[in-house]
Protein backbone atom coordinates (compact mmCIF):
# COMPACT_ATOMS: atom_id res chain seq x y z
CA MET A 1 -9.19 12.24 -6.83
CA ALA A 2 -11.35 14.71 -4.93
CA SER A 3 -14.97 14.03 -4.05
CA SER A 4 -17.70 15.94 -5.81
CA LYS A 5 -19.92 18.47 -4.09
CA ASP A 6 -22.90 16.64 -5.66
CA TYR A 7 -22.00 13.42 -3.85
CA LEU A 8 -21.60 15.32 -0.56
CA GLU A 9 -25.03 16.88 -1.03
CA PHE A 10 -26.54 13.46 -1.78
CA VAL A 11 -25.09 11.96 1.42
CA LEU A 12 -26.23 14.95 3.48
CA GLU A 13 -29.72 14.61 1.99
CA GLN A 14 -29.79 10.95 3.04
CA LEU A 15 -28.89 12.02 6.59
CA ALA A 16 -31.17 15.09 6.70
CA SER A 17 -33.54 13.66 9.32
CA LEU A 18 -30.70 13.44 11.87
CA ASP A 19 -29.99 16.46 14.05
CA GLU A 20 -26.45 17.72 14.37
CA ILE A 21 -25.04 16.45 11.07
CA SER A 22 -22.19 18.60 9.82
CA TYR A 23 -19.15 18.32 7.62
CA ARG A 24 -15.76 19.88 7.09
CA SER A 25 -13.90 20.06 3.81
CA MET A 26 -10.36 18.74 3.98
CA MET A 27 -8.06 18.50 0.95
CA GLY A 28 -10.86 17.87 -1.52
CA GLU A 29 -12.62 15.34 0.70
CA TYR A 30 -15.23 15.73 3.45
CA ILE A 31 -15.22 14.68 7.10
CA ILE A 32 -18.73 13.86 8.36
CA TYR A 33 -19.70 14.66 11.96
CA TYR A 34 -22.70 13.51 13.95
CA GLN A 35 -23.36 15.13 17.32
CA GLY A 36 -19.88 16.65 17.11
CA LYS A 37 -18.18 13.27 16.66
CA ILE A 38 -16.40 12.10 13.51
CA VAL A 39 -18.37 9.16 12.10
CA GLY A 40 -16.57 8.93 8.79
CA GLY A 41 -16.12 10.81 5.59
CA ILE A 42 -16.50 11.06 1.88
CA TYR A 43 -13.38 10.00 0.04
CA ASP A 44 -13.23 9.66 -3.76
CA ASP A 45 -17.05 9.74 -3.86
CA ARG A 46 -17.32 6.86 -1.37
CA PHE A 47 -19.01 7.16 2.04
CA LEU A 48 -16.74 5.44 4.56
CA VAL A 49 -17.42 5.10 8.28
CA LYS A 50 -15.28 4.15 11.24
CA PRO A 51 -15.31 0.39 11.91
CA THR A 52 -17.13 0.49 15.25
CA LYS A 53 -18.64 -2.66 16.73
CA SER A 54 -22.16 -1.60 15.79
CA ALA A 55 -21.16 -0.63 12.23
CA LYS A 56 -19.59 -4.07 11.75
CA GLN A 57 -22.75 -5.73 13.11
CA LEU A 58 -25.06 -3.71 10.84
CA MET A 59 -22.82 -4.26 7.80
CA PRO A 60 -21.27 -7.72 8.29
CA LYS A 61 -20.28 -8.01 4.63
CA ALA A 62 -18.98 -4.45 4.23
CA GLN A 63 -15.66 -4.00 2.49
CA TYR A 64 -12.77 -2.41 4.33
CA GLU A 65 -11.26 0.39 2.27
CA ILE A 66 -8.50 2.90 2.80
CA PRO A 67 -9.75 6.49 2.51
CA TYR A 68 -6.30 7.81 1.48
CA GLU A 69 -2.70 6.67 1.51
CA GLY A 70 -1.46 6.01 5.04
CA ALA A 71 -4.89 6.07 6.71
CA LYS A 72 -6.57 3.36 8.75
CA GLU A 73 -9.13 1.17 7.01
CA MET A 74 -12.77 2.17 7.18
CA LEU A 75 -16.03 0.47 6.22
CA LEU A 76 -17.63 1.24 2.86
CA VAL A 77 -21.33 2.04 3.18
CA ASP A 78 -22.89 0.49 0.10
CA ASP A 79 -26.58 0.85 1.08
CA ILE A 80 -26.37 4.62 0.80
CA ASP A 81 -29.74 4.89 -0.98
CA ASN A 82 -31.55 3.60 2.14
CA LYS A 83 -32.21 6.61 4.40
CA ASP A 84 -33.60 4.47 7.23
CA PHE A 85 -30.48 2.31 7.24
CA MET A 86 -28.18 5.34 7.15
CA ASN A 87 -29.98 6.85 10.15
CA GLU A 88 -29.88 3.54 12.04
CA LEU A 89 -26.16 3.17 11.30
CA LEU A 90 -25.14 6.60 12.56
CA ASN A 91 -27.41 6.37 15.63
CA ALA A 92 -25.88 3.00 16.51
CA MET A 93 -22.32 4.28 16.02
CA VAL A 94 -22.43 7.62 17.81
CA ASP A 95 -22.22 6.31 21.39
CA GLU A 96 -19.16 4.20 20.52
CA LEU A 97 -17.18 7.12 19.14
CA PRO A 98 -14.82 9.23 21.24
CA ALA A 99 -15.85 12.71 22.30
CA PRO A 100 -14.26 15.53 20.32
CA ARG A 101 -10.95 16.78 21.61
CA LYS A 102 -10.96 20.05 23.51
CA LYS A 103 -9.35 22.90 21.59
CA LYS A 104 -6.50 24.66 23.32
């Protein structure tokens, strides 16, 4: 099932106070970038983030979910209505994420 554009817009609105938020559509889903790094994505109208150390600390009871068949597990963000939490989460995660790969 593909994610809705409405859900994408809601997530982006929650993250609007952060600079350098972007997304890329991929097979009906959306990859979310912060400062050029992949932090997670929207899959089946669920906002999932990479299970970094800080994400696990900020969401100790978060469920691990698979974004799509064959993918690694990610953390489900269930406090998506809380803009302050969303900003704190992405700011905590960004330094733990790998730099984007250089394009050839």
